[in-house]
Amino acid sequence: MFKVEEFFVKNNLKSDFKRYKSALTCSFIIGLLLGSIPFINRSKENFKIKKLMQEQKQIEIQNREKICKEENSEYKKFLNLGFPKTAIKKFNICMEK
């Protein structure tokens, strides 16, 4: 008797799966999308943070260039004296600091 009931349960599951295949597929896809929302939000936030850090680094580099190329810098002094290679070396040293 037990085996007959088990057969009916398996048979019902198979027929239910065939009947509701599209509903099960849609439910799985919706669950997958809902589960990935936190990951997507974290990825977007990390991207924004990296972009802000890049912009800040670029601004720091531009400020450093202004400092290294101002009138009283060694770069300008050597450039005005006619030593462009030495001026570039001094500029690179200044930028590394």
C-alpha atoms as a PDB file:
ATOM      1  CA  MET A   1       0.000   0.000   0.000  1.00  0.00           C
ATOM      2  CA  PHE A   2       2.862   2.361   0.854  1.00  0.00           C
ATOM      3  CA  LYS A   3       4.487   1.878  -2.557  1.00  0.00           C
ATOM      4  CA  VAL A   4       1.277   2.707  -4.366  1.00  0.00           C
ATOM      5  CA  GLU A   5       0.934   6.016  -2.472  1.00  0.00           C
ATOM      6  CA  GLU A   6       4.553   6.869  -3.259  1.00  0.00           C
ATOM      7  CA  PHE A   7       3.882   6.216  -6.932  1.00  0.00           C
ATOM      8  CA  PHE A   8       0.915   8.573  -6.923  1.00  0.00           C
ATOM      9  CA  VAL A   9       2.979  11.301  -5.242  1.00  0.00           C
ATOM     10  CA  LYS A  10       5.767  10.969  -7.826  1.00  0.00           C
ATOM     11  CA  ASN A  11       3.245  10.882 -10.630  1.00  0.00           C
ATOM     12  CA  ASN A  12       1.546  14.018  -9.330  1.00  0.00           C
ATOM     13  CA  LEU A  13       4.871  15.825  -9.037  1.00  0.00           C
ATOM     14  CA  LYS A  14       5.776  14.979 -12.605  1.00  0.00           C
ATOM     15  CA  SER A  15       2.439  16.090 -13.966  1.00  0.00           C
ATOM     16  CA  ASP A  16       2.514  19.271 -11.834  1.00  0.00           C
ATOM     17  CA  PHE A  17       5.994  20.069 -13.089  1.00  0.00           C
ATOM     18  CA  LYS A  18       4.895  19.653 -16.696  1.00  0.00           C
ATOM     19  CA  ARG A  19       1.784  21.737 -16.101  1.00  0.00           C
ATOM     20  CA  TYR A  20       3.497  24.593 -14.214  1.00  0.00           C
ATOM     21  CA  LYS A  21       6.854  24.620 -15.952  1.00  0.00           C
ATOM     22  CA  SER A  22       6.617  28.258 -17.083  1.00  0.00           C
ATOM     23  CA  ALA A  23       5.412  29.430 -13.650  1.00  0.00           C
ATOM     24  CA  LEU A  24       8.312  27.648 -11.948  1.00  0.00           C
ATOM     25  CA  THR A  25      10.782  29.113 -14.430  1.00  0.00           C
ATOM     26  CA  CYS A  26       9.440  32.634 -13.921  1.00  0.00           C
ATOM     27  CA  SER A  27       9.528  32.199 -10.139  1.00  0.00           C
ATOM     28  CA  PHE A  28      13.131  31.033 -10.308  1.00  0.00           C
ATOM     29  CA  ILE A  29      14.163  34.003 -12.461  1.00  0.00           C
ATOM     30  CA  ILE A  30      12.367  36.471 -10.174  1.00  0.00           C
ATOM     31  CA  GLY A  31      14.064  34.929  -7.136  1.00  0.00           C
ATOM     32  CA  LEU A  32      17.417  35.150  -8.854  1.00  0.00           C
ATOM     33  CA  LEU A  33      16.880  38.819  -9.690  1.00  0.00           C
ATOM     34  CA  LEU A  34      15.719  39.675  -6.173  1.00  0.00           C
ATOM     35  CA  GLY A  35      18.729  37.896  -4.714  1.00  0.00           C
ATOM     36  CA  SER A  36      21.139  39.833  -6.904  1.00  0.00           C
ATOM     37  CA  ILE A  37      19.835  43.311  -5.959  1.00  0.00           C
ATOM     38  CA  PRO A  38      22.197  43.751  -2.961  1.00  0.00           C
ATOM     39  CA  PHE A  39      25.186  42.728  -5.074  1.00  0.00           C
ATOM     40  CA  ILE A  40      24.229  45.206  -7.796  1.00  0.00           C
ATOM     41  CA  ASN A  41      23.818  48.021  -5.262  1.00  0.00           C
ATOM     42  CA  ARG A  42      27.212  47.284  -3.675  1.00  0.00           C
ATOM     43  CA  SER A  43      28.852  47.193  -7.101  1.00  0.00           C
ATOM     44  CA  LYS A  44      27.354  50.560  -8.055  1.00  0.00           C
ATOM     45  CA  GLU A  45      28.448  52.080  -4.752  1.00  0.00           C
ATOM     46  CA  ASN A  46      31.983  50.706  -5.095  1.00  0.00           C
ATOM     47  CA  PHE A  47      32.151  52.090  -8.641  1.00  0.00           C
ATOM     48  CA  LYS A  48      31.112  55.541  -7.414  1.00  0.00           C
ATOM     49  CA  ILE A  49      33.717  55.448  -4.645  1.00  0.00           C
ATOM     50  CA  LYS A  50      36.480  54.421  -7.065  1.00  0.00           C
ATOM     51  CA  LYS A  51      35.459  57.166  -9.480  1.00  0.00           C
ATOM     52  CA  LEU A  52      35.538  59.781  -6.694  1.00  0.00           C
ATOM     53  CA  MET A  53      38.956  58.551  -5.575  1.00  0.00           C
ATOM     54  CA  GLN A  54      40.259  58.831  -9.155  1.00  0.00           C
ATOM     55  CA  GLU A  55      38.922  62.361  -9.476  1.00  0.00           C
ATOM     56  CA  GLN A  56      40.470  63.344  -6.138  1.00  0.00           C
ATOM     57  CA  LYS A  57      43.812  61.874  -7.180  1.00  0.00           C
ATOM     58  CA  GLN A  58      43.642  63.777 -10.481  1.00  0.00           C
ATOM     59  CA  ILE A  59      42.943  67.031  -8.621  1.00  0.00           C
ATOM     60  CA  GLU A  60      45.896  66.379  -6.306  1.00  0.00           C
ATOM     61  CA  ILE A  61      48.162  65.790  -9.312  1.00  0.00           C
ATOM     62  CA  GLN A  62      46.994  69.025 -10.952  1.00  0.00           C
ATOM     63  CA  ASN A  63      47.609  70.959  -7.723  1.00  0.00           C
ATOM     64  CA  ARG A  64      51.060  69.407  -7.420  1.00  0.00           C
ATOM     65  CA  GLU A  65      51.844  70.403 -11.029  1.00  0.00           C
ATOM     66  CA  LYS A  66      50.839  73.999 -10.283  1.00  0.00           C
ATOM     67  CA  ILE A  67      53.128  74.044  -7.249  1.00  0.00           C
ATOM     68  CA  CYS A  68      56.030  72.512  -9.169  1.00  0.00           C
ATOM     69  CA  LYS A  69      55.632  74.919 -12.129  1.00  0.00           C
ATOM     70  CA  GLU A  70      55.158  78.179 -10.229  1.00  0.00           C
ATOM     71  CA  GLU A  71      57.536  81.103 -10.721  1.00  0.00           C
ATOM     72  CA  ASN A  72      59.814  80.417  -7.728  1.00  0.00           C
ATOM     73  CA  SER A  73      60.288  76.715  -8.459  1.00  0.00           C
ATOM     74  CA  GLU A  74      63.534  75.085  -9.585  1.00  0.00           C
ATOM     75  CA  TYR A  75      61.738  73.946 -12.751  1.00  0.00           C
ATOM     76  CA  LYS A  76      61.076  77.523 -13.886  1.00  0.00           C
ATOM     77  CA  LYS A  77      64.567  78.665 -12.895  1.00  0.00           C
ATOM     78  CA  PHE A  78      66.310  75.973 -14.964  1.00  0.00           C
ATOM     79  CA  LEU A  79      63.867  76.426 -17.834  1.00  0.00           C
ATOM     80  CA  ASN A  80      64.542  80.174 -17.926  1.00  0.00           C
ATOM     81  CA  LEU A  81      68.304  79.543 -17.831  1.00  0.00           C
ATOM     82  CA  GLY A  82      68.017  77.328 -20.924  1.00  0.00           C
ATOM     83  CA  PHE A  83      68.393  73.861 -19.371  1.00  0.00           C
ATOM     84  CA  PRO A  84      65.197  72.037 -20.386  1.00  0.00           C
ATOM     85  CA  LYS A  85      66.452  68.513 -19.566  1.00  0.00           C
ATOM     86  CA  THR A  86      67.499  69.545 -16.074  1.00  0.00           C
ATOM     87  CA  ALA A  87      64.216  71.425 -15.656  1.00  0.00           C
ATOM     88  CA  ILE A  88      62.275  68.271 -16.555  1.00  0.00           C
ATOM     89  CA  LYS A  89      64.342  66.244 -14.063  1.00  0.00           C
ATOM     90  CA  LYS A  90      63.646  68.793 -11.326  1.00  0.00           C
ATOM     91  CA  PHE A  91      59.952  68.751 -12.226  1.00  0.00           C
ATOM     92  CA  ASN A  92      59.850  64.934 -12.004  1.00  0.00           C
ATOM     93  CA  ILE A  93      61.630  65.030  -8.622  1.00  0.00           C
ATOM     94  CA  CYS A  94      59.133  67.601  -7.405  1.00  0.00           C
ATOM     95  CA  MET A  95      56.188  65.489  -8.595  1.00  0.00           C
ATOM     96  CA  GLU A  96      57.493  62.363  -6.838  1.00  0.00           C
ATOM     97  CA  LYS A  97      57.537  64.098  -3.446  1.00  0.00           C
END
